[in-house]
Amino acid sequence: STVVGAEGVDIVVEVMGGIDPARDLLTRALKAGQSVVTAN
């Protein structure tokens, strides 16, 4: 929660890999108005 949907975090970079929980986290970030960069 300090990254996904957090006020003041403009861009979320996901380099965890795998589908879960990355799918849910990135969907939440996008819906919160954060741009997303992923290598997944």
PDB file of all heavy atoms in Angstrom:
ATOM      1  N   SER A   1       0.816  -1.216   0.000  1.00  0.00           N
ATOM      2  CA  SER A   1       0.000   0.000   0.000  1.00  0.00           C
ATOM      3  C   SER A   1       0.850   1.267   0.000  1.00  0.00           C
ATOM      4  O   SER A   1       0.339   2.352  -0.289  1.00  0.00           O
ATOM      5  CB  SER A   1      -0.951   0.016   1.196  1.00  0.00           C
ATOM      6  OG  SER A   1      -0.239   0.159   2.414  1.00  0.00           O
ATOM      7  N   THR A   2       2.139   1.138   0.296  1.00  0.00           N
ATOM      8  CA  THR A   2       3.026   2.310   0.223  1.00  0.00           C
ATOM      9  C   THR A   2       3.378   2.659  -1.212  1.00  0.00           C
ATOM     10  O   THR A   2       3.934   3.732  -1.475  1.00  0.00           O
ATOM     11  CB  THR A   2       4.324   2.066   1.011  1.00  0.00           C
ATOM     12  OG1 THR A   2       5.025   0.954   0.423  1.00  0.00           O
ATOM     13  CG2 THR A   2       4.036   1.768   2.469  1.00  0.00           C
ATOM     14  N   VAL A   3       3.071   1.755  -2.150  1.00  0.00           N
ATOM     15  CA  VAL A   3       3.337   1.983  -3.580  1.00  0.00           C
ATOM     16  C   VAL A   3       2.040   1.997  -4.372  1.00  0.00           C
ATOM     17  O   VAL A   3       1.699   2.970  -5.042  1.00  0.00           O
ATOM     18  CB  VAL A   3       4.304   0.924  -4.143  1.00  0.00           C
ATOM     19  CG1 VAL A   3       4.414   1.054  -5.667  1.00  0.00           C
ATOM     20  CG2 VAL A   3       5.678   1.054  -3.501  1.00  0.00           C
ATOM     21  N   VAL A   4       1.285   0.910  -4.313  1.00  0.00           N
ATOM     22  CA  VAL A   4       0.076   0.761  -5.139  1.00  0.00           C
ATOM     23  C   VAL A   4      -1.042   1.637  -4.596  1.00  0.00           C
ATOM     24  O   VAL A   4      -1.503   1.458  -3.463  1.00  0.00           O
ATOM     25  CB  VAL A   4      -0.368  -0.714  -5.189  1.00  0.00           C
ATOM     26  CG1 VAL A   4      -1.661  -0.854  -5.988  1.00  0.00           C
ATOM     27  CG2 VAL A   4       0.721  -1.570  -5.798  1.00  0.00           C
ATOM     28  N   GLY A   5      -1.440   2.618  -5.408  1.00  0.00           N
ATOM     29  CA  GLY A   5      -2.504   3.527  -5.002  1.00  0.00           C
ATOM     30  C   GLY A   5      -2.076   4.580  -4.008  1.00  0.00           C
ATOM     31  O   GLY A   5      -2.905   5.369  -3.538  1.00  0.00           O
ATOM     32  N   ALA A   6      -0.782   4.623  -3.692  1.00  0.00           N
ATOM     33  CA  ALA A   6      -0.300   5.561  -2.680  1.00  0.00           C
ATOM     34  C   ALA A   6      -0.191   6.971  -3.246  1.00  0.00           C
ATOM     35  O   ALA A   6       0.325   7.167  -4.348  1.00  0.00           O
ATOM     36  CB  ALA A   6       1.056   5.110  -2.146  1.00  0.00           C
ATOM     37  N   GLU A   7      -0.674   7.950  -2.493  1.00  0.00           N
ATOM     38  CA  GLU A   7      -0.557   9.349  -2.903  1.00  0.00           C
ATOM     39  C   GLU A   7       0.920   9.733  -2.946  1.00  0.00           C
ATOM     40  O   GLU A   7       1.693   9.419  -2.034  1.00  0.00           O
ATOM     41  CB  GLU A   7      -1.309  10.241  -1.920  1.00  0.00           C
ATOM     42  CG  GLU A   7      -1.366  11.696  -2.342  1.00  0.00           C
ATOM     43  CD  GLU A   7      -2.212  12.531  -1.401  1.00  0.00           C
ATOM     44  OE1 GLU A   7      -2.893  11.941  -0.534  1.00  0.00           O
ATOM     45  OE2 GLU A   7      -2.188  13.769  -1.532  1.00  0.00           O
ATOM     46  N   GLY A   8       1.314  10.381  -4.011  1.00  0.00           N
ATOM     47  CA  GLY A   8       2.706  10.811  -4.141  1.00  0.00           C
ATOM     48  C   GLY A   8       3.564   9.868  -4.944  1.00  0.00           C
ATOM     49  O   GLY A   8       4.683  10.223  -5.320  1.00  0.00           O
ATOM     50  N   VAL A   9       3.095   8.653  -5.227  1.00  0.00           N
ATOM     51  CA  VAL A   9       3.819   7.731  -6.110  1.00  0.00           C
ATOM     52  C   VAL A   9       3.223   7.862  -7.503  1.00  0.00           C
ATOM     53  O   VAL A   9       2.059   7.526  -7.731  1.00  0.00           O
ATOM     54  CB  VAL A   9       3.739   6.277  -5.609  1.00  0.00           C
ATOM     55  CG1 VAL A   9       4.414   5.338  -6.606  1.00  0.00           C
ATOM     56  CG2 VAL A   9       4.392   6.147  -4.233  1.00  0.00           C
ATOM     57  N   ASP A  10       4.008   8.375  -8.442  1.00  0.00           N
ATOM     58  CA  ASP A  10       3.504   8.691  -9.773  1.00  0.00           C
ATOM     59  C   ASP A  10       3.576   7.510 -10.735  1.00  0.00           C
ATOM     60  O   ASP A  10       2.692   7.331 -11.577  1.00  0.00           O
ATOM     61  CB  ASP A  10       4.309   9.858 -10.364  1.00  0.00           C
ATOM     62  CG  ASP A  10       4.231  11.095  -9.488  1.00  0.00           C
ATOM     63  OD1 ASP A  10       3.153  11.710  -9.455  1.00  0.00           O
ATOM     64  OD2 ASP A  10       5.248  11.431  -8.838  1.00  0.00           O
ATOM     65  N   ILE A  11       4.667   6.728 -10.649  1.00  0.00           N
ATOM     66  CA  ILE A  11       4.900   5.620 -11.579  1.00  0.00           C
ATOM     67  C   ILE A  11       5.211   4.369 -10.767  1.00  0.00           C
ATOM     68  O   ILE A  11       6.055   4.401  -9.866  1.00  0.00           O
ATOM     69  CB  ILE A  11       6.067   5.937 -12.531  1.00  0.00           C
ATOM     70  CG1 ILE A  11       5.763   7.195 -13.352  1.00  0.00           C
ATOM     71  CG2 ILE A  11       6.353   4.753 -13.461  1.00  0.00           C
ATOM     72  CD1 ILE A  11       6.954   7.727 -14.131  1.00  0.00           C
ATOM     73  N   VAL A  12       4.540   3.277 -11.095  1.00  0.00           N
ATOM     74  CA  VAL A  12       4.786   1.998 -10.427  1.00  0.00           C
ATOM     75  C   VAL A  12       5.561   1.096 -11.388  1.00  0.00           C
ATOM     76  O   VAL A  12       5.119   0.855 -12.515  1.00  0.00           O
ATOM     77  CB  VAL A  12       3.461   1.323 -10.018  1.00  0.00           C
ATOM     78  CG1 VAL A  12       3.732  -0.071  -9.437  1.00  0.00           C
ATOM     79  CG2 VAL A  12       2.716   2.191  -9.017  1.00  0.00           C
ATOM     80  N   VAL A  13       6.697   0.604 -10.935  1.00  0.00           N
ATOM     81  CA  VAL A  13       7.521  -0.314 -11.720  1.00  0.00           C
ATOM     82  C   VAL A  13       7.384  -1.708 -11.122  1.00  0.00           C
ATOM     83  O   VAL A  13       7.707  -1.918  -9.949  1.00  0.00           O
ATOM     84  CB  VAL A  13       8.998   0.118 -11.725  1.00  0.00           C
ATOM     85  CG1 VAL A  13       9.860  -0.935 -12.428  1.00  0.00           C
ATOM     86  CG2 VAL A  13       9.156   1.469 -12.411  1.00  0.00           C
ATOM     87  N   GLU A  14       6.903  -2.648 -11.927  1.00  0.00           N
ATOM     88  CA  GLU A  14       6.707  -4.022 -11.446  1.00  0.00           C
ATOM     89  C   GLU A  14       7.739  -4.941 -12.062  1.00  0.00           C
ATOM     90  O   GLU A  14       7.787  -5.130 -13.278  1.00  0.00           O
ATOM     91  CB  GLU A  14       5.297  -4.491 -11.803  1.00  0.00           C
ATOM     92  CG  GLU A  14       4.956  -5.879 -11.249  1.00  0.00           C
ATOM     93  CD  GLU A  14       5.349  -7.004 -12.191  1.00  0.00           C
ATOM     94  OE1 GLU A  14       5.019  -6.911 -13.382  1.00  0.00           O
ATOM     95  OE2 GLU A  14       5.980  -7.972 -11.723  1.00  0.00           O
ATOM     96  N   VAL A  15       8.602  -5.501 -11.214  1.00  0.00           N
ATOM     97  CA  VAL A  15       9.622  -6.451 -11.659  1.00  0.00           C
ATOM     98  C   VAL A  15       9.612  -7.679 -10.742  1.00  0.00           C
ATOM     99  O   VAL A  15      10.638  -8.278 -10.458  1.00  0.00           O
ATOM    100  CB  VAL A  15      11.031  -5.792 -11.698  1.00  0.00           C
ATOM    101  CG1 VAL A  15      11.189  -4.919 -12.927  1.00  0.00           C
ATOM    102  CG2 VAL A  15      11.309  -4.973 -10.440  1.00  0.00           C
ATOM    103  N   MET A  16       8.417  -8.058 -10.303  1.00  0.00           N
ATOM    104  CA  MET A  16       8.248  -9.231  -9.444  1.00  0.00           C
ATOM    105  C   MET A  16       8.186 -10.512 -10.265  1.00  0.00           C
ATOM    106  O   MET A  16       8.702 -11.547  -9.862  1.00  0.00           O
ATOM    107  CB  MET A  16       6.942  -9.104  -8.646  1.00  0.00           C
ATOM    108  CG  MET A  16       6.837  -7.895  -7.752  1.00  0.00           C
ATOM    109  SD  MET A  16       5.109  -7.547  -7.312  1.00  0.00           S
ATOM    110  CE  MET A  16       4.559  -9.123  -6.704  1.00  0.00           C
ATOM    111  N   GLY A  17       7.493 -10.448 -11.407  1.00  0.00           N
ATOM    112  CA  GLY A  17       7.269 -11.643 -12.210  1.00  0.00           C
ATOM    113  C   GLY A  17       6.036 -12.398 -11.755  1.00  0.00           C
ATOM    114  O   GLY A  17       5.494 -12.160 -10.664  1.00  0.00           O
ATOM    115  N   GLY A  18       5.590 -13.319 -12.608  1.00  0.00           N
ATOM    116  CA  GLY A  18       4.413 -14.110 -12.300  1.00  0.00           C
ATOM    117  C   GLY A  18       3.130 -13.335 -12.527  1.00  0.00           C
ATOM    118  O   GLY A  18       3.134 -12.112 -12.657  1.00  0.00           O
ATOM    119  N   ILE A  19       2.022 -14.054 -12.571  1.00  0.00           N
ATOM    120  CA  ILE A  19       0.732 -13.419 -12.846  1.00  0.00           C
ATOM    121  C   ILE A  19       0.071 -12.904 -11.572  1.00  0.00           C
ATOM    122  O   ILE A  19      -0.466 -11.795 -11.539  1.00  0.00           O
ATOM    123  CB  ILE A  19      -0.192 -14.395 -13.593  1.00  0.00           C
ATOM    124  CG1 ILE A  19       0.363 -14.630 -15.012  1.00  0.00           C
ATOM    125  CG2 ILE A  19      -1.620 -13.861 -13.672  1.00  0.00           C
ATOM    126  CD1 ILE A  19      -0.419 -15.614 -15.835  1.00  0.00           C
ATOM    127  N   ASP A  20       0.103 -13.689 -10.516  1.00  0.00           N
ATOM    128  CA  ASP A  20      -0.470 -13.255  -9.247  1.00  0.00           C
ATOM    129  C   ASP A  20       0.629 -13.097  -8.202  1.00  0.00           C
ATOM    130  O   ASP A  20       1.509 -13.954  -8.112  1.00  0.00           O
ATOM    131  CB  ASP A  20      -1.495 -14.288  -8.753  1.00  0.00           C
ATOM    132  CG  ASP A  20      -2.695 -14.398  -9.682  1.00  0.00           C
ATOM    133  OD1 ASP A  20      -3.223 -13.340 -10.069  1.00  0.00           O
ATOM    134  OD2 ASP A  20      -3.077 -15.536 -10.007  1.00  0.00           O
ATOM    135  N   PRO A  21       0.625 -11.998  -7.424  1.00  0.00           N
ATOM    136  CA  PRO A  21      -0.419 -10.969  -7.338  1.00  0.00           C
ATOM    137  C   PRO A  21      -0.221  -9.787  -8.282  1.00  0.00           C
ATOM    138  O   PRO A  21      -0.895  -8.771  -8.143  1.00  0.00           O
ATOM    139  CB  PRO A  21      -0.283 -10.494  -5.895  1.00  0.00           C
ATOM    140  CG  PRO A  21       1.197 -10.584  -5.635  1.00  0.00           C
ATOM    141  CD  PRO A  21       1.672 -11.817  -6.382  1.00  0.00           C
ATOM    142  N   ALA A  22       0.721  -9.900  -9.251  1.00  0.00           N
ATOM    143  CA  ALA A  22       1.052  -8.752 -10.102  1.00  0.00           C
ATOM    144  C   ALA A  22      -0.179  -8.220 -10.840  1.00  0.00           C
ATOM    145  O   ALA A  22      -0.361  -6.993 -10.960  1.00  0.00           O
ATOM    146  CB  ALA A  22       2.137  -9.145 -11.100  1.00  0.00           C
ATOM    147  N   ARG A  23      -1.026  -9.120 -11.344  1.00  0.00           N
ATOM    148  CA  ARG A  23      -2.204  -8.674 -12.105  1.00  0.00           C
ATOM    149  C   ARG A  23      -3.082  -7.754 -11.266  1.00  0.00           C
ATOM    150  O   ARG A  23      -3.480  -6.665 -11.714  1.00  0.00           O
ATOM    151  CB  ARG A  23      -2.992  -9.896 -12.563  1.00  0.00           C
ATOM    152  CG  ARG A  23      -4.288  -9.569 -13.283  1.00  0.00           C
ATOM    153  CD  ARG A  23      -5.080 -10.849 -13.502  1.00  0.00           C
ATOM    154  NE  ARG A  23      -6.329 -10.608 -14.199  1.00  0.00           N
ATOM    155  CZ  ARG A  23      -7.271 -11.552 -14.355  1.00  0.00           C
ATOM    156  NH1 ARG A  23      -7.063 -12.781 -13.869  1.00  0.00           N
ATOM    157  NH2 ARG A  23      -8.397 -11.268 -14.992  1.00  0.00           N
ATOM    158  N   ASP A  24      -3.399  -8.173 -10.056  1.00  0.00           N
ATOM    159  CA  ASP A  24      -4.253  -7.371  -9.183  1.00  0.00           C
ATOM    160  C   ASP A  24      -3.583  -6.058  -8.802  1.00  0.00           C
ATOM    161  O   ASP A  24      -4.219  -4.993  -8.826  1.00  0.00           O
ATOM    162  CB  ASP A  24      -4.590  -8.168  -7.917  1.00  0.00           C
ATOM    163  CG  ASP A  24      -5.379  -7.343  -6.911  1.00  0.00           C
ATOM    164  OD1 ASP A  24      -6.507  -6.917  -7.251  1.00  0.00           O
ATOM    165  OD2 ASP A  24      -4.863  -7.113  -5.807  1.00  0.00           O
ATOM    166  N   LEU A  25      -2.297  -6.101  -8.465  1.00  0.00           N
ATOM    167  CA  LEU A  25      -1.590  -4.897  -8.030  1.00  0.00           C
ATOM    168  C   LEU A  25      -1.522  -3.862  -9.143  1.00  0.00           C
ATOM    169  O   LEU A  25      -1.754  -2.665  -8.914  1.00  0.00           O
ATOM    170  CB  LEU A  25      -0.187  -5.262  -7.554  1.00  0.00           C
ATOM    171  CG  LEU A  25      -0.101  -6.135  -6.292  1.00  0.00           C
ATOM    172  CD1 LEU A  25       1.350  -6.505  -5.997  1.00  0.00           C
ATOM    173  CD2 LEU A  25      -0.736  -5.427  -5.109  1.00  0.00           C
ATOM    174  N   LEU A  26      -1.215  -4.301 -10.357  1.00  0.00           N
ATOM    175  CA  LEU A  26      -1.095  -3.348 -11.460  1.00  0.00           C
ATOM    176  C   LEU A  26      -2.456  -2.806 -11.882  1.00  0.00           C
ATOM    177  O   LEU A  26      -2.573  -1.635 -12.263  1.00  0.00           O
ATOM    178  CB  LEU A  26      -0.370  -3.986 -12.639  1.00  0.00           C
ATOM    179  CG  LEU A  26       1.089  -4.393 -12.380  1.00  0.00           C
ATOM    180  CD1 LEU A  26       1.801  -4.703 -13.685  1.00  0.00           C
ATOM    181  CD2 LEU A  26       1.843  -3.335 -11.605  1.00  0.00           C
ATOM    182  N   THR A  27      -3.479  -3.628 -11.814  1.00  0.00           N
ATOM    183  CA  THR A  27      -4.824  -3.140 -12.116  1.00  0.00           C
ATOM    184  C   THR A  27      -5.222  -2.053 -11.125  1.00  0.00           C
ATOM    185  O   THR A  27      -5.761  -0.999 -11.508  1.00  0.00           O
ATOM    186  CB  THR A  27      -5.836  -4.299 -12.061  1.00  0.00           C
ATOM    187  OG1 THR A  27      -5.471  -5.294 -13.019  1.00  0.00           O
ATOM    188  CG2 THR A  27      -7.247  -3.802 -12.378  1.00  0.00           C
ATOM    189  N   ARG A  28      -4.927  -2.285  -9.852  1.00  0.00           N
ATOM    190  CA  ARG A  28      -5.228  -1.282  -8.822  1.00  0.00           C
ATOM    191  C   ARG A  28      -4.439  -0.005  -9.051  1.00  0.00           C
ATOM    192  O   ARG A  28      -4.977   1.112  -8.898  1.00  0.00           O
ATOM    193  CB  ARG A  28      -4.933  -1.863  -7.444  1.00  0.00           C
ATOM    194  CG  ARG A  28      -5.973  -2.862  -6.959  1.00  0.00           C
ATOM    195  CD  ARG A  28      -5.473  -3.725  -5.824  1.00  0.00           C
ATOM    196  NE  ARG A  28      -4.871  -2.943  -4.743  1.00  0.00           N
ATOM    197  CZ  ARG A  28      -4.188  -3.493  -3.734  1.00  0.00           C
ATOM    198  NH1 ARG A  28      -4.020  -4.815  -3.699  1.00  0.00           N
ATOM    199  NH2 ARG A  28      -3.683  -2.730  -2.797  1.00  0.00           N
ATOM    200  N   ALA A  29      -3.184  -0.133  -9.435  1.00  0.00           N
ATOM    201  CA  ALA A  29      -2.352   1.054  -9.668  1.00  0.00           C
ATOM    202  C   ALA A  29      -2.904   1.875 -10.832  1.00  0.00           C
ATOM    203  O   ALA A  29      -3.016   3.108 -10.742  1.00  0.00           O
ATOM    204  CB  ALA A  29      -0.918   0.631  -9.946  1.00  0.00           C
ATOM    205  N   LEU A  30      -3.253   1.219 -11.920  1.00  0.00           N
ATOM    206  CA  LEU A  30      -3.782   1.922 -13.091  1.00  0.00           C
ATOM    207  C   LEU A  30      -5.099   2.630 -12.751  1.00  0.00           C
ATOM    208  O   LEU A  30      -5.313   3.784 -13.137  1.00  0.00           O
ATOM    209  CB  LEU A  30      -3.991   0.937 -14.244  1.00  0.00           C
ATOM    210  CG  LEU A  30      -2.711   0.334 -14.848  1.00  0.00           C
ATOM    211  CD1 LEU A  30      -3.059  -0.861 -15.735  1.00  0.00           C
ATOM    212  CD2 LEU A  30      -1.924   1.374 -15.644  1.00  0.00           C
ATOM    213  N   LYS A  31      -5.964   1.948 -12.020  1.00  0.00           N
ATOM    214  CA  LYS A  31      -7.246   2.546 -11.657  1.00  0.00           C
ATOM    215  C   LYS A  31      -7.080   3.707 -10.683  1.00  0.00           C
ATOM    216  O   LYS A  31      -7.953   4.583 -10.587  1.00  0.00           O
ATOM    217  CB  LYS A  31      -8.174   1.485 -11.076  1.00  0.00           C
ATOM    218  CG  LYS A  31      -8.661   0.475 -12.117  1.00  0.00           C
ATOM    219  CD  LYS A  31      -9.603  -0.552 -11.519  1.00  0.00           C
ATOM    220  CE  LYS A  31     -10.135  -1.486 -12.608  1.00  0.00           C
ATOM    221  NZ  LYS A  31     -11.064  -2.523 -12.059  1.00  0.00           N
ATOM    222  N   ALA A  32      -5.960   3.714  -9.967  1.00  0.00           N
ATOM    223  CA  ALA A  32      -5.665   4.812  -9.042  1.00  0.00           C
ATOM    224  C   ALA A  32      -4.997   5.989  -9.748  1.00  0.00           C
ATOM    225  O   ALA A  32      -4.653   6.982  -9.101  1.00  0.00           O
ATOM    226  CB  ALA A  32      -4.780   4.316  -7.900  1.00  0.00           C
ATOM    227  N   GLY A  33      -4.788   5.866 -11.071  1.00  0.00           N
ATOM    228  CA  GLY A  33      -4.189   6.971 -11.820  1.00  0.00           C
ATOM    229  C   GLY A  33      -2.685   6.961 -11.852  1.00  0.00           C
ATOM    230  O   GLY A  33      -2.055   7.985 -12.164  1.00  0.00           O
ATOM    231  N   GLN A  34      -2.087   5.801 -11.542  1.00  0.00           N
ATOM    232  CA  GLN A  34      -0.630   5.674 -11.608  1.00  0.00           C
ATOM    233  C   GLN A  34      -0.235   5.020 -12.929  1.00  0.00           C
ATOM    234  O   GLN A  34      -0.846   4.037 -13.350  1.00  0.00           O
ATOM    235  CB  GLN A  34      -0.109   4.825 -10.446  1.00  0.00           C
ATOM    236  CG  GLN A  34      -0.343   5.443  -9.080  1.00  0.00           C
ATOM    237  CD  GLN A  34      -0.034   4.456  -7.956  1.00  0.00           C
ATOM    238  OE1 GLN A  34      -0.548   3.339  -7.947  1.00  0.00           O
ATOM    239  NE2 GLN A  34       0.793   4.887  -7.015  1.00  0.00           N
ATOM    240  N   SER A  35       0.772   5.571 -13.586  1.00  0.00           N
ATOM    241  CA  SER A  35       1.316   4.897 -14.759  1.00  0.00           C
ATOM    242  C   SER A  35       2.107   3.678 -14.302  1.00  0.00           C
ATOM    243  O   SER A  35       2.650   3.647 -13.188  1.00  0.00           O
ATOM    244  CB  SER A  35       2.213   5.837 -15.557  1.00  0.00           C
ATOM    245  OG  SER A  35       1.431   6.802 -16.230  1.00  0.00           O
ATOM    246  N   VAL A  36       2.151   2.669 -15.170  1.00  0.00           N
ATOM    247  CA  VAL A  36       2.779   1.396 -14.813  1.00  0.00           C
ATOM    248  C   VAL A  36       3.827   1.024 -15.847  1.00  0.00           C
ATOM    249  O   VAL A  36       3.594   1.151 -17.059  1.00  0.00           O
ATOM    250  CB  VAL A  36       1.716   0.279 -14.708  1.00  0.00           C
ATOM    251  CG1 VAL A  36       2.365  -1.101 -14.709  1.00  0.00           C
ATOM    252  CG2 VAL A  36       0.868   0.465 -13.458  1.00  0.00           C
ATOM    253  N   VAL A  37       4.980   0.556 -15.355  1.00  0.00           N
ATOM    254  CA  VAL A  37       6.027  -0.018 -16.192  1.00  0.00           C
ATOM    255  C   VAL A  37       6.266  -1.436 -15.691  1.00  0.00           C
ATOM    256  O   VAL A  37       6.430  -1.651 -14.488  1.00  0.00           O
ATOM    257  CB  VAL A  37       7.327   0.804 -16.115  1.00  0.00           C
ATOM    258  CG1 VAL A  37       8.457   0.090 -16.854  1.00  0.00           C
ATOM    259  CG2 VAL A  37       7.113   2.197 -16.687  1.00  0.00           C
ATOM    260  N   THR A  38       6.271  -2.409 -16.599  1.00  0.00           N
ATOM    261  CA  THR A  38       6.468  -3.792 -16.188  1.00  0.00           C
ATOM    262  C   THR A  38       7.389  -4.527 -17.143  1.00  0.00           C
ATOM    263  O   THR A  38       7.430  -4.223 -18.337  1.00  0.00           O
ATOM    264  CB  THR A  38       5.116  -4.539 -16.078  1.00  0.00           C
ATOM    265  OG1 THR A  38       5.348  -5.899 -15.697  1.00  0.00           O
ATOM    266  CG2 THR A  38       4.371  -4.533 -17.410  1.00  0.00           C
ATOM    267  N   ALA A  39       8.112  -5.499 -16.603  1.00  0.00           N
ATOM    268  CA  ALA A  39       8.938  -6.400 -17.409  1.00  0.00           C
ATOM    269  C   ALA A  39       8.341  -7.799 -17.414  1.00  0.00           C
ATOM    270  O   ALA A  39       9.010  -8.768 -17.777  1.00  0.00           O
ATOM    271  CB  ALA A  39      10.359  -6.438 -16.843  1.00  0.00           C
ATOM    272  N   ASN A  40       7.059  -7.913 -17.050  1.00  0.00           N
ATOM    273  CA  ASN A  40       6.420  -9.196 -16.779  1.00  0.00           C
ATOM    274  C   ASN A  40       5.789  -9.781 -18.046  1.00  0.00           C
ATOM    275  O   ASN A  40       4.644  -9.487 -18.386  1.00  0.00           O
ATOM    276  CB  ASN A  40       5.364  -8.986 -15.694  1.00  0.00           C
ATOM    277  CG  ASN A  40       4.844 -10.285 -15.114  1.00  0.00           C
ATOM    278  OD1 ASN A  40       4.802 -11.303 -15.787  1.00  0.00           O
ATOM    279  ND2 ASN A  40       4.444 -10.235 -13.862  1.00  0.00           N
TER     280      ASN A  40
END
